[in-house]
Amino acid sequence: MDWLTLLLREAGLVLLGPAPPPAGDVTGEVWTDHDREVVRLIYEVLVEERDCARCGAPLRPAVSARVVAGPFAPPRFVVTARCRTWRRHRHVAEVAHERGGLRLGAIHPAR
């Protein structure tokens, strides 16, 4: 019945207490600027060692780290990097809060 409560709360029909935390964020933590900066620096080092999975070119050291949220999906923290060729193949990794720490996902080609 959690989905029904959430649906009614989003529609403004039930106003009983605070909204529950997003499904992927069990502890209620939010992404701080410090989290974003640390993750960005870690992935800048990691992409130096990786090559593009599609063409074999090295990945660019500049990465983008941002929180992505859809209208019906919980917020996700996504890191993107591109290869150095003119094709600029995109590679992504997801980062999640897990038991008070950060879980870094593997870098893989975007779909």
PDB file of N, CA and C in Angstrom:
ATOM      1  N   MET A   1       0.805  -1.199   0.000  1.00  0.00           N
ATOM      2  CA  MET A   1       0.000   0.000   0.000  1.00  0.00           C
ATOM      3  C   MET A   1       0.851   1.267   0.000  1.00  0.00           C
ATOM      4  N   ASP A   2       2.190   1.131   0.073  1.00  0.00           N
ATOM      5  CA  ASP A   2       3.040   2.317   0.069  1.00  0.00           C
ATOM      6  C   ASP A   2       2.889   3.111  -1.224  1.00  0.00           C
ATOM      7  N   TRP A   3       2.732   2.404  -2.353  1.00  0.00           N
ATOM      8  CA  TRP A   3       2.615   3.109  -3.621  1.00  0.00           C
ATOM      9  C   TRP A   3       1.322   3.910  -3.685  1.00  0.00           C
ATOM     10  N   LEU A   4       0.253   3.382  -3.072  1.00  0.00           N
ATOM     11  CA  LEU A   4      -1.016   4.086  -3.074  1.00  0.00           C
ATOM     12  C   LEU A   4      -0.929   5.349  -2.209  1.00  0.00           C
ATOM     13  N   THR A   5      -0.305   5.220  -1.052  1.00  0.00           N
ATOM     14  CA  THR A   5      -0.119   6.377  -0.174  1.00  0.00           C
ATOM     15  C   THR A   5       0.705   7.453  -0.875  1.00  0.00           C
ATOM     16  N   LEU A   6       1.783   7.036  -1.533  1.00  0.00           N
ATOM     17  CA  LEU A   6       2.629   7.980  -2.243  1.00  0.00           C
ATOM     18  C   LEU A   6       1.860   8.657  -3.378  1.00  0.00           C
ATOM     19  N   LEU A   7       1.083   7.888  -4.118  1.00  0.00           N
ATOM     20  CA  LEU A   7       0.305   8.443  -5.220  1.00  0.00           C
ATOM     21  C   LEU A   7      -0.708   9.474  -4.715  1.00  0.00           C
ATOM     22  N   LEU A   8      -1.401   9.131  -3.635  1.00  0.00           N
ATOM     23  CA  LEU A   8      -2.381  10.064  -3.083  1.00  0.00           C
ATOM     24  C   LEU A   8      -1.704  11.311  -2.516  1.00  0.00           C
ATOM     25  N   ARG A   9      -0.557  11.122  -1.888  1.00  0.00           N
ATOM     26  CA  ARG A   9       0.166  12.260  -1.327  1.00  0.00           C
ATOM     27  C   ARG A   9       0.641  13.183  -2.446  1.00  0.00           C
ATOM     28  N   GLU A  10       1.137  12.609  -3.552  1.00  0.00           N
ATOM     29  CA  GLU A  10       1.583  13.418  -4.690  1.00  0.00           C
ATOM     30  C   GLU A  10       0.413  14.167  -5.316  1.00  0.00           C
ATOM     31  N   ALA A  11      -0.746  13.557  -5.311  1.00  0.00           N
ATOM     32  CA  ALA A  11      -1.927  14.205  -5.877  1.00  0.00           C
ATOM     33  C   ALA A  11      -2.506  15.257  -4.927  1.00  0.00           C
ATOM     34  N   GLY A  12      -1.995  15.325  -3.706  1.00  0.00           N
ATOM     35  CA  GLY A  12      -2.472  16.313  -2.747  1.00  0.00           C
ATOM     36  C   GLY A  12      -3.722  15.885  -2.024  1.00  0.00           C
ATOM     37  N   LEU A  13      -4.066  14.610  -2.074  1.00  0.00           N
ATOM     38  CA  LEU A  13      -5.291  14.152  -1.443  1.00  0.00           C
ATOM     39  C   LEU A  13      -5.101  13.763   0.022  1.00  0.00           C
ATOM     40  N   VAL A  14      -3.885  13.402   0.401  1.00  0.00           N
ATOM     41  CA  VAL A  14      -3.614  13.006   1.780  1.00  0.00           C
ATOM     42  C   VAL A  14      -2.426  13.808   2.271  1.00  0.00           C
ATOM     43  N   LEU A  15      -2.604  14.530   3.330  1.00  0.00           N
ATOM     44  CA  LEU A  15      -1.514  15.329   3.888  1.00  0.00           C
ATOM     45  C   LEU A  15      -1.254  14.879   5.320  1.00  0.00           C
ATOM     46  N   LEU A  16      -0.755  13.685   5.461  1.00  0.00           N
ATOM     47  CA  LEU A  16      -0.491  13.126   6.781  1.00  0.00           C
ATOM     48  C   LEU A  16       1.003  12.936   6.980  1.00  0.00           C
ATOM     49  N   GLY A  17       1.651  13.881   7.578  1.00  0.00           N
ATOM     50  CA  GLY A  17       3.068  13.750   7.886  1.00  0.00           C
ATOM     51  C   GLY A  17       3.953  14.049   6.694  1.00  0.00           C
ATOM     52  N   PRO A  18       5.262  13.965   6.918  1.00  0.00           N
ATOM     53  CA  PRO A  18       6.211  14.272   5.839  1.00  0.00           C
ATOM     54  C   PRO A  18       6.232  13.166   4.791  1.00  0.00           C
ATOM     55  N   ALA A  19       6.658  13.530   3.598  1.00  0.00           N
ATOM     56  CA  ALA A  19       6.770  12.552   2.509  1.00  0.00           C
ATOM     57  C   ALA A  19       7.901  11.582   2.810  1.00  0.00           C
ATOM     58  N   PRO A  20       7.762  10.330   2.374  1.00  0.00           N
ATOM     59  CA  PRO A  20       8.825   9.363   2.609  1.00  0.00           C
ATOM     60  C   PRO A  20      10.055   9.699   1.771  1.00  0.00           C
ATOM     61  N   PRO A  21      11.256   9.231   2.178  1.00  0.00           N
ATOM     62  CA  PRO A  21      12.443   9.494   1.369  1.00  0.00           C
ATOM     63  C   PRO A  21      12.349   8.743   0.040  1.00  0.00           C
ATOM     64  N   PRO A  22      13.086   9.177  -0.991  1.00  0.00           N
ATOM     65  CA  PRO A  22      13.057   8.478  -2.273  1.00  0.00           C
ATOM     66  C   PRO A  22      13.463   7.012  -2.101  1.00  0.00           C
ATOM     67  N   ALA A  23      12.982   6.157  -3.013  1.00  0.00           N
ATOM     68  CA  ALA A  23      13.200   4.712  -2.885  1.00  0.00           C
ATOM     69  C   ALA A  23      14.674   4.334  -2.849  1.00  0.00           C
ATOM     70  N   GLY A  24      15.525   5.010  -3.596  1.00  0.00           N
ATOM     71  CA  GLY A  24      16.934   4.653  -3.630  1.00  0.00           C
ATOM     72  C   GLY A  24      17.734   5.251  -2.498  1.00  0.00           C
ATOM     73  N   ASP A  25      17.137   6.051  -1.658  1.00  0.00           N
ATOM     74  CA  ASP A  25      17.837   6.778  -0.613  1.00  0.00           C
ATOM     75  C   ASP A  25      17.250   6.383   0.735  1.00  0.00           C
ATOM     76  N   VAL A  26      17.636   5.226   1.238  1.00  0.00           N
ATOM     77  CA  VAL A  26      17.023   4.637   2.421  1.00  0.00           C
ATOM     78  C   VAL A  26      17.269   5.477   3.666  1.00  0.00           C
ATOM     79  N   THR A  27      18.436   6.083   3.788  1.00  0.00           N
ATOM     80  CA  THR A  27      18.787   6.811   5.005  1.00  0.00           C
ATOM     81  C   THR A  27      18.289   8.245   4.998  1.00  0.00           C
ATOM     82  N   GLY A  28      17.764   8.737   3.881  1.00  0.00           N
ATOM     83  CA  GLY A  28      17.298  10.112   3.803  1.00  0.00           C
ATOM     84  C   GLY A  28      18.425  11.102   3.531  1.00  0.00           C
ATOM     85  N   GLU A  29      19.624  10.602   3.232  1.00  0.00           N
ATOM     86  CA  GLU A  29      20.752  11.481   2.963  1.00  0.00           C
ATOM     87  C   GLU A  29      20.576  12.153   1.603  1.00  0.00           C
ATOM     88  N   VAL A  30      21.152  13.314   1.472  1.00  0.00           N
ATOM     89  CA  VAL A  30      21.132  14.016   0.197  1.00  0.00           C
ATOM     90  C   VAL A  30      22.574  14.178  -0.278  1.00  0.00           C
ATOM     91  N   TRP A  31      22.720  14.424  -1.557  1.00  0.00           N
ATOM     92  CA  TRP A  31      24.050  14.609  -2.122  1.00  0.00           C
ATOM     93  C   TRP A  31      24.553  16.010  -1.795  1.00  0.00           C
ATOM     94  N   THR A  32      25.660  16.097  -1.116  1.00  0.00           N
ATOM     95  CA  THR A  32      26.245  17.390  -0.767  1.00  0.00           C
ATOM     96  C   THR A  32      27.251  17.794  -1.844  1.00  0.00           C
ATOM     97  N   ASP A  33      27.656  19.048  -1.809  1.00  0.00           N
ATOM     98  CA  ASP A  33      28.681  19.513  -2.739  1.00  0.00           C
ATOM     99  C   ASP A  33      29.991  18.768  -2.506  1.00  0.00           C
ATOM    100  N   HIS A  34      30.264  18.425  -1.254  1.00  0.00           N
ATOM    101  CA  HIS A  34      31.478  17.663  -0.926  1.00  0.00           C
ATOM    102  C   HIS A  34      31.430  16.279  -1.583  1.00  0.00           C
ATOM    103  N   ASP A  35      30.286  15.606  -1.514  1.00  0.00           N
ATOM    104  CA  ASP A  35      30.124  14.304  -2.169  1.00  0.00           C
ATOM    105  C   ASP A  35      30.393  14.423  -3.667  1.00  0.00           C
ATOM    106  N   ARG A  36      29.804  15.417  -4.287  1.00  0.00           N
ATOM    107  CA  ARG A  36      29.963  15.603  -5.731  1.00  0.00           C
ATOM    108  C   ARG A  36      31.418  15.834  -6.109  1.00  0.00           C
ATOM    109  N   GLU A  37      32.101  16.657  -5.339  1.00  0.00           N
ATOM    110  CA  GLU A  37      33.497  16.975  -5.646  1.00  0.00           C
ATOM    111  C   GLU A  37      34.390  15.754  -5.457  1.00  0.00           C
ATOM    112  N   VAL A  38      34.197  15.005  -4.384  1.00  0.00           N
ATOM    113  CA  VAL A  38      35.005  13.811  -4.134  1.00  0.00           C
ATOM    114  C   VAL A  38      34.787  12.783  -5.239  1.00  0.00           C
ATOM    115  N   VAL A  39      33.534  12.549  -5.612  1.00  0.00           N
ATOM    116  CA  VAL A  39      33.221  11.584  -6.666  1.00  0.00           C
ATOM    117  C   VAL A  39      33.821  12.034  -7.992  1.00  0.00           C
ATOM    118  N   ARG A  40      33.715  13.304  -8.312  1.00  0.00           N
ATOM    119  CA  ARG A  40      34.273  13.821  -9.563  1.00  0.00           C
ATOM    120  C   ARG A  40      35.784  13.612  -9.611  1.00  0.00           C
ATOM    121  N   LEU A  41      36.475  13.900  -8.509  1.00  0.00           N
ATOM    122  CA  LEU A  41      37.929  13.721  -8.473  1.00  0.00           C
ATOM    123  C   LEU A  41      38.324  12.247  -8.590  1.00  0.00           C
ATOM    124  N   ILE A  42      37.591  11.374  -7.924  1.00  0.00           N
ATOM    125  CA  ILE A  42      37.892   9.937  -8.005  1.00  0.00           C
ATOM    126  C   ILE A  42      37.744   9.449  -9.442  1.00  0.00           C
ATOM    127  N   TYR A  43      36.652   9.824 -10.094  1.00  0.00           N
ATOM    128  CA  TYR A  43      36.437   9.354 -11.460  1.00  0.00           C
ATOM    129  C   TYR A  43      37.383  10.009 -12.454  1.00  0.00           C
ATOM    130  N   GLU A  44      37.868  11.224 -12.189  1.00  0.00           N
ATOM    131  CA  GLU A  44      38.870  11.813 -13.067  1.00  0.00           C
ATOM    132  C   GLU A  44      40.138  10.974 -13.068  1.00  0.00           C
ATOM    133  N   VAL A  45      40.490  10.421 -11.913  1.00  0.00           N
ATOM    134  CA  VAL A  45      41.661   9.543 -11.827  1.00  0.00           C
ATOM    135  C   VAL A  45      41.370   8.195 -12.499  1.00  0.00           C
ATOM    136  N   LEU A  46      40.168   7.641 -12.262  1.00  0.00           N
ATOM    137  CA  LEU A  46      39.817   6.333 -12.823  1.00  0.00           C
ATOM    138  C   LEU A  46      39.767   6.338 -14.353  1.00  0.00           C
ATOM    139  N   VAL A  47      39.263   7.408 -14.960  1.00  0.00           N
ATOM    140  CA  VAL A  47      39.139   7.413 -16.420  1.00  0.00           C
ATOM    141  C   VAL A  47      40.491   7.548 -17.107  1.00  0.00           C
ATOM    142  N   GLU A  48      41.506   8.000 -16.398  1.00  0.00           N
ATOM    143  CA  GLU A  48      42.851   8.069 -16.978  1.00  0.00           C
ATOM    144  C   GLU A  48      43.360   6.674 -17.336  1.00  0.00           C
ATOM    145  N   GLU A  49      42.886   5.657 -16.625  1.00  0.00           N
ATOM    146  CA  GLU A  49      43.335   4.282 -16.831  1.00  0.00           C
ATOM    147  C   GLU A  49      42.436   3.508 -17.795  1.00  0.00           C
ATOM    148  N   ARG A  50      41.347   4.084 -18.246  1.00  0.00           N
ATOM    149  CA  ARG A  50      40.372   3.374 -19.074  1.00  0.00           C
ATOM    150  C   ARG A  50      40.451   3.816 -20.526  1.00  0.00           C
ATOM    151  N   ASP A  51      40.093   2.890 -21.404  1.00  0.00           N
ATOM    152  CA  ASP A  51      39.951   3.182 -22.825  1.00  0.00           C
ATOM    153  C   ASP A  51      38.487   3.042 -23.200  1.00  0.00           C
ATOM    154  N   CYS A  52      38.106   3.652 -24.298  1.00  0.00           N
ATOM    155  CA  CYS A  52      36.736   3.562 -24.784  1.00  0.00           C
ATOM    156  C   CYS A  52      36.422   2.107 -25.127  1.00  0.00           C
ATOM    157  N   ALA A  53      35.295   1.627 -24.662  1.00  0.00           N
ATOM    158  CA  ALA A  53      34.900   0.243 -24.926  1.00  0.00           C
ATOM    159  C   ALA A  53      34.468   0.043 -26.374  1.00  0.00           C
ATOM    160  N   ARG A  54      34.170   1.119 -27.089  1.00  0.00           N
ATOM    161  CA  ARG A  54      33.701   0.993 -28.470  1.00  0.00           C
ATOM    162  C   ARG A  54      34.814   1.156 -29.496  1.00  0.00           C
ATOM    163  N   CYS A  55      35.728   2.124 -29.292  1.00  0.00           N
ATOM    164  CA  CYS A  55      36.751   2.369 -30.320  1.00  0.00           C
ATOM    165  C   CYS A  55      38.177   2.203 -29.806  1.00  0.00           C
ATOM    166  N   GLY A  56      38.378   2.048 -28.501  1.00  0.00           N
ATOM    167  CA  GLY A  56      39.705   1.819 -27.955  1.00  0.00           C
ATOM    168  C   GLY A  56      40.501   3.077 -27.650  1.00  0.00           C
ATOM    169  N   ALA A  57      39.970   4.250 -27.940  1.00  0.00           N
ATOM    170  CA  ALA A  57      40.669   5.504 -27.646  1.00  0.00           C
ATOM    171  C   ALA A  57      40.608   5.781 -26.142  1.00  0.00           C
ATOM    172  N   PRO A  58      41.581   6.533 -25.615  1.00  0.00           N
ATOM    173  CA  PRO A  58      41.517   6.875 -24.190  1.00  0.00           C
ATOM    174  C   PRO A  58      40.318   7.785 -23.894  1.00  0.00           C
ATOM    175  N   LEU A  59      39.842   7.732 -22.664  1.00  0.00           N
ATOM    176  CA  LEU A  59      38.756   8.615 -22.241  1.00  0.00           C
ATOM    177  C   LEU A  59      39.326   9.966 -21.845  1.00  0.00           C
ATOM    178  N   ARG A  60      38.536  11.003 -22.039  1.00  0.00           N
ATOM    179  CA  ARG A  60      38.945  12.358 -21.630  1.00  0.00           C
ATOM    180  C   ARG A  60      38.954  12.436 -20.107  1.00  0.00           C
ATOM    181  N   PRO A  61      39.902  13.163 -19.517  1.00  0.00           N
ATOM    182  CA  PRO A  61      39.958  13.245 -18.055  1.00  0.00           C
ATOM    183  C   PRO A  61      38.835  14.080 -17.446  1.00  0.00           C
ATOM    184  N   ALA A  62      38.220  14.957 -18.224  1.00  0.00           N
ATOM    185  CA  ALA A  62      37.124  15.773 -17.692  1.00  0.00           C
ATOM    186  C   ALA A  62      35.863  14.926 -17.591  1.00  0.00           C
ATOM    187  N   VAL A  63      35.284  14.862 -16.406  1.00  0.00           N
ATOM    188  CA  VAL A  63      34.051  14.107 -16.197  1.00  0.00           C
ATOM    189  C   VAL A  63      32.971  15.053 -15.705  1.00  0.00           C
ATOM    190  N   SER A  64      31.732  14.645 -15.918  1.00  0.00           N
ATOM    191  CA  SER A  64      30.581  15.395 -15.429  1.00  0.00           C
ATOM    192  C   SER A  64      29.913  14.571 -14.336  1.00  0.00           C
ATOM    193  N   ALA A  65      29.707  15.158 -13.177  1.00  0.00           N
ATOM    194  CA  ALA A  65      29.055  14.468 -12.059  1.00  0.00           C
ATOM    195  C   ALA A  65      27.826  15.281 -11.676  1.00  0.00           C
ATOM    196  N   ARG A  66      26.643  14.658 -11.811  1.00  0.00           N
ATOM    197  CA  ARG A  66      25.411  15.396 -11.514  1.00  0.00           C
ATOM    198  C   ARG A  66      24.321  14.458 -11.027  1.00  0.00           C
ATOM    199  N   VAL A  67      23.342  15.034 -10.361  1.00  0.00           N
ATOM    200  CA  VAL A  67      22.187  14.288  -9.888  1.00  0.00           C
ATOM    201  C   VAL A  67      21.116  14.365 -10.966  1.00  0.00           C
ATOM    202  N   VAL A  68      20.595  13.200 -11.357  1.00  0.00           N
ATOM    203  CA  VAL A  68      19.580  13.119 -12.398  1.00  0.00           C
ATOM    204  C   VAL A  68      18.311  12.576 -11.758  1.00  0.00           C
ATOM    205  N   ALA A  69      17.203  13.276 -11.968  1.00  0.00           N
ATOM    206  CA  ALA A  69      15.929  12.825 -11.409  1.00  0.00           C
ATOM    207  C   ALA A  69      14.856  12.891 -12.488  1.00  0.00           C
ATOM    208  N   GLY A  70      14.102  11.826 -12.591  1.00  0.00           N
ATOM    209  CA  GLY A  70      12.980  11.789 -13.524  1.00  0.00           C
ATOM    210  C   GLY A  70      11.692  12.071 -12.770  1.00  0.00           C
ATOM    211  N   PRO A  71      10.583  12.239 -13.476  1.00  0.00           N
ATOM    212  CA  PRO A  71       9.321  12.537 -12.803  1.00  0.00           C
ATOM    213  C   PRO A  71       8.805  11.390 -11.930  1.00  0.00           C
ATOM    214  N   PHE A  72       9.140  10.151 -12.278  1.00  0.00           N
ATOM    215  CA  PHE A  72       8.657   9.010 -11.511  1.00  0.00           C
ATOM    216  C   PHE A  72       9.778   8.146 -10.958  1.00  0.00           C
ATOM    217  N   ALA A  73      11.025   8.558 -11.138  1.00  0.00           N
ATOM    218  CA  ALA A  73      12.176   7.776 -10.678  1.00  0.00           C
ATOM    219  C   ALA A  73      12.872   8.498  -9.536  1.00  0.00           C
ATOM    220  N   PRO A  74      13.490   7.753  -8.627  1.00  0.00           N
ATOM    221  CA  PRO A  74      14.228   8.396  -7.552  1.00  0.00           C
ATOM    222  C   PRO A  74      15.481   9.077  -8.109  1.00  0.00           C
ATOM    223  N   PRO A  75      16.008  10.081  -7.414  1.00  0.00           N
ATOM    224  CA  PRO A  75      17.219  10.757  -7.885  1.00  0.00           C
ATOM    225  C   PRO A  75      18.398   9.789  -7.952  1.00  0.00           C
ATOM    226  N   ARG A  76      19.183   9.916  -9.016  1.00  0.00           N
ATOM    227  CA  ARG A  76      20.389   9.108  -9.183  1.00  0.00           C
ATOM    228  C   ARG A  76      21.567  10.043  -9.388  1.00  0.00           C
ATOM    229  N   PHE A  77      22.719   9.650  -8.870  1.00  0.00           N
ATOM    230  CA  PHE A  77      23.941  10.417  -9.060  1.00  0.00           C
ATOM    231  C   PHE A  77      24.716   9.747 -10.181  1.00  0.00           C
ATOM    232  N   VAL A  78      24.904  10.448 -11.295  1.00  0.00           N
ATOM    233  CA  VAL A  78      25.491   9.859 -12.499  1.00  0.00           C
ATOM    234  C   VAL A  78      26.762  10.620 -12.869  1.00  0.00           C
ATOM    235  N   VAL A  79      27.806   9.845 -13.210  1.00  0.00           N
ATOM    236  CA  VAL A  79      29.071  10.399 -13.679  1.00  0.00           C
ATOM    237  C   VAL A  79      29.211  10.024 -15.143  1.00  0.00           C
ATOM    238  N   THR A  80      29.536  11.000 -15.999  1.00  0.00           N
ATOM    239  CA  THR A  80      29.712  10.723 -17.423  1.00  0.00           C
ATOM    240  C   THR A  80      31.094  11.156 -17.872  1.00  0.00           C
ATOM    241  N   ALA A  81      31.649  10.399 -18.816  1.00  0.00           N
ATOM    242  CA  ALA A  81      32.938  10.717 -19.440  1.00  0.00           C
ATOM    243  C   ALA A  81      32.799  10.395 -20.919  1.00  0.00           C
ATOM    244  N   ARG A  82      33.651  10.999 -21.734  1.00  0.00           N
ATOM    245  CA  ARG A  82      33.602  10.762 -23.179  1.00  0.00           C
ATOM    246  C   ARG A  82      34.998  10.384 -23.670  1.00  0.00           C
ATOM    247  N   CYS A  83      35.037   9.664 -24.805  1.00  0.00           N
ATOM    248  CA  CYS A  83      36.331   9.290 -25.367  1.00  0.00           C
ATOM    249  C   CYS A  83      36.919  10.478 -26.123  1.00  0.00           C
ATOM    250  N   ARG A  84      38.200  10.375 -26.474  1.00  0.00           N
ATOM    251  CA  ARG A  84      38.907  11.503 -27.087  1.00  0.00           C
ATOM    252  C   ARG A  84      38.758  11.587 -28.599  1.00  0.00           C
ATOM    253  N   THR A  85      38.094  10.634 -29.227  1.00  0.00           N
ATOM    254  CA  THR A  85      37.962  10.691 -30.681  1.00  0.00           C
ATOM    255  C   THR A  85      36.855  11.661 -31.072  1.00  0.00           C
ATOM    256  N   TRP A  86      36.712  11.877 -32.367  1.00  0.00           N
ATOM    257  CA  TRP A  86      35.676  12.794 -32.849  1.00  0.00           C
ATOM    258  C   TRP A  86      34.281  12.246 -32.579  1.00  0.00           C
ATOM    259  N   ARG A  87      34.173  10.921 -32.332  1.00  0.00           N
ATOM    260  CA  ARG A  87      32.865  10.326 -32.051  1.00  0.00           C
ATOM    261  C   ARG A  87      32.384  10.641 -30.631  1.00  0.00           C
ATOM    262  N   ARG A  88      33.326  10.835 -29.730  1.00  0.00           N
ATOM    263  CA  ARG A  88      33.042  11.174 -28.327  1.00  0.00           C
ATOM    264  C   ARG A  88      32.025  10.224 -27.697  1.00  0.00           C
ATOM    265  N   HIS A  89      32.295   8.914 -27.766  1.00  0.00           N
ATOM    266  CA  HIS A  89      31.400   7.925 -27.162  1.00  0.00           C
ATOM    267  C   HIS A  89      31.255   8.213 -25.671  1.00  0.00           C
ATOM    268  N   ARG A  90      30.033   8.164 -25.197  1.00  0.00           N
ATOM    269  CA  ARG A  90      29.723   8.482 -23.800  1.00  0.00           C
ATOM    270  C   ARG A  90      29.799   7.231 -22.943  1.00  0.00           C
ATOM    271  N   HIS A  91      30.428   7.354 -21.768  1.00  0.00           N
ATOM    272  CA  HIS A  91      30.508   6.287 -20.779  1.00  0.00           C
ATOM    273  C   HIS A  91      29.907   6.820 -19.479  1.00  0.00           C
ATOM    274  N   VAL A  92      29.203   5.985 -18.752  1.00  0.00           N
ATOM    275  CA  VAL A  92      28.519   6.416 -17.535  1.00  0.00           C
ATOM    276  C   VAL A  92      28.832   5.486 -16.369  1.00  0.00           C
ATOM    277  N   ALA A  93      28.644   6.010 -15.179  1.00  0.00           N
ATOM    278  CA  ALA A  93      28.741   5.234 -13.940  1.00  0.00           C
ATOM    279  C   ALA A  93      27.758   5.833 -12.952  1.00  0.00           C
ATOM    280  N   GLU A  94      27.153   4.989 -12.130  1.00  0.00           N
ATOM    281  CA  GLU A  94      26.226   5.467 -11.101  1.00  0.00           C
ATOM    282  C   GLU A  94      26.867   5.326  -9.732  1.00  0.00           C
ATOM    283  N   VAL A  95      26.583   6.293  -8.875  1.00  0.00           N
ATOM    284  CA  VAL A  95      27.090   6.300  -7.507  1.00  0.00           C
ATOM    285  C   VAL A  95      25.884   6.284  -6.577  1.00  0.00           C
ATOM    286  N   ALA A  96      25.980   5.522  -5.493  1.00  0.00           N
ATOM    287  CA  ALA A  96      24.855   5.415  -4.562  1.00  0.00           C
ATOM    288  C   ALA A  96      25.345   5.527  -3.127  1.00  0.00           C
ATOM    289  N   HIS A  97      24.464   6.025  -2.255  1.00  0.00           N
ATOM    290  CA  HIS A  97      24.723   5.994  -0.808  1.00  0.00           C
ATOM    291  C   HIS A  97      24.451   4.580  -0.330  1.00  0.00           C
ATOM    292  N   GLU A  98      25.360   4.047   0.467  1.00  0.00           N
ATOM    293  CA  GLU A  98      25.149   2.706   1.001  1.00  0.00           C
ATOM    294  C   GLU A  98      25.773   2.617   2.388  1.00  0.00           C
ATOM    295  N   ARG A  99      24.932   2.470   3.390  1.00  0.00           N
ATOM    296  CA  ARG A  99      25.364   2.315   4.786  1.00  0.00           C
ATOM    297  C   ARG A  99      26.329   3.422   5.218  1.00  0.00           C
ATOM    298  N   GLY A 100      25.964   4.646   4.946  1.00  0.00           N
ATOM    299  CA  GLY A 100      26.753   5.785   5.391  1.00  0.00           C
ATOM    300  C   GLY A 100      27.953   6.107   4.519  1.00  0.00           C
ATOM    301  N   GLY A 101      28.179   5.357   3.449  1.00  0.00           N
ATOM    302  CA  GLY A 101      29.304   5.608   2.555  1.00  0.00           C
ATOM    303  C   GLY A 101      28.825   5.726   1.123  1.00  0.00           C
ATOM    304  N   LEU A 102      29.769   5.794   0.212  1.00  0.00           N
ATOM    305  CA  LEU A 102      29.449   5.886  -1.201  1.00  0.00           C
ATOM    306  C   LEU A 102      29.835   4.585  -1.899  1.00  0.00           C
ATOM    307  N   ARG A 103      28.968   4.097  -2.759  1.00  0.00           N
ATOM    308  CA  ARG A 103      29.267   2.917  -3.581  1.00  0.00           C
ATOM    309  C   ARG A 103      29.467   3.405  -5.010  1.00  0.00           C
ATOM    310  N   LEU A 104      30.687   3.247  -5.516  1.00  0.00           N
ATOM    311  CA  LEU A 104      31.037   3.723  -6.849  1.00  0.00           C
ATOM    312  C   LEU A 104      30.759   2.636  -7.868  1.00  0.00           C
ATOM    313  N   GLY A 105      30.010   2.970  -8.891  1.00  0.00           N
ATOM    314  CA  GLY A 105      29.697   2.009  -9.941  1.00  0.00           C
ATOM    315  C   GLY A 105      30.783   1.960 -10.999  1.00  0.00           C
ATOM    316  N   ALA A 106      30.815   0.886 -11.754  1.00  0.00           N
ATOM    317  CA  ALA A 106      31.794   0.728 -12.832  1.00  0.00           C
ATOM    318  C   ALA A 106      31.444   1.626 -14.012  1.00  0.00           C
ATOM    319  N   ILE A 107      32.475   2.075 -14.721  1.00  0.00           N
ATOM    320  CA  ILE A 107      32.287   2.901 -15.912  1.00  0.00           C
ATOM    321  C   ILE A 107      31.981   1.968 -17.072  1.00  0.00           C
ATOM    322  N   HIS A 108      30.881   2.224 -17.775  1.00  0.00           N
ATOM    323  CA  HIS A 108      30.493   1.385 -18.910  1.00  0.00           C
ATOM    324  C   HIS A 108      29.916   2.271 -20.008  1.00  0.00           C
ATOM    325  N   PRO A 109      29.904   1.786 -21.253  1.00  0.00           N
ATOM    326  CA  PRO A 109      29.352   2.590 -22.343  1.00  0.00           C
ATOM    327  C   PRO A 109      27.862   2.857 -22.126  1.00  0.00           C
ATOM    328  N   ALA A 110      27.464   4.061 -22.482  1.00  0.00           N
ATOM    329  CA  ALA A 110      26.042   4.423 -22.371  1.00  0.00           C
ATOM    330  C   ALA A 110      25.271   3.740 -23.487  1.00  0.00           C
ATOM    331  N   ARG A 111      24.014   3.493 -23.251  1.00  0.00           N
ATOM    332  CA  ARG A 111      23.176   2.838 -24.266  1.00  0.00           C
ATOM    333  C   ARG A 111      22.750   3.785 -25.319  1.00  0.00           C
TER     334      ARG A 111
END
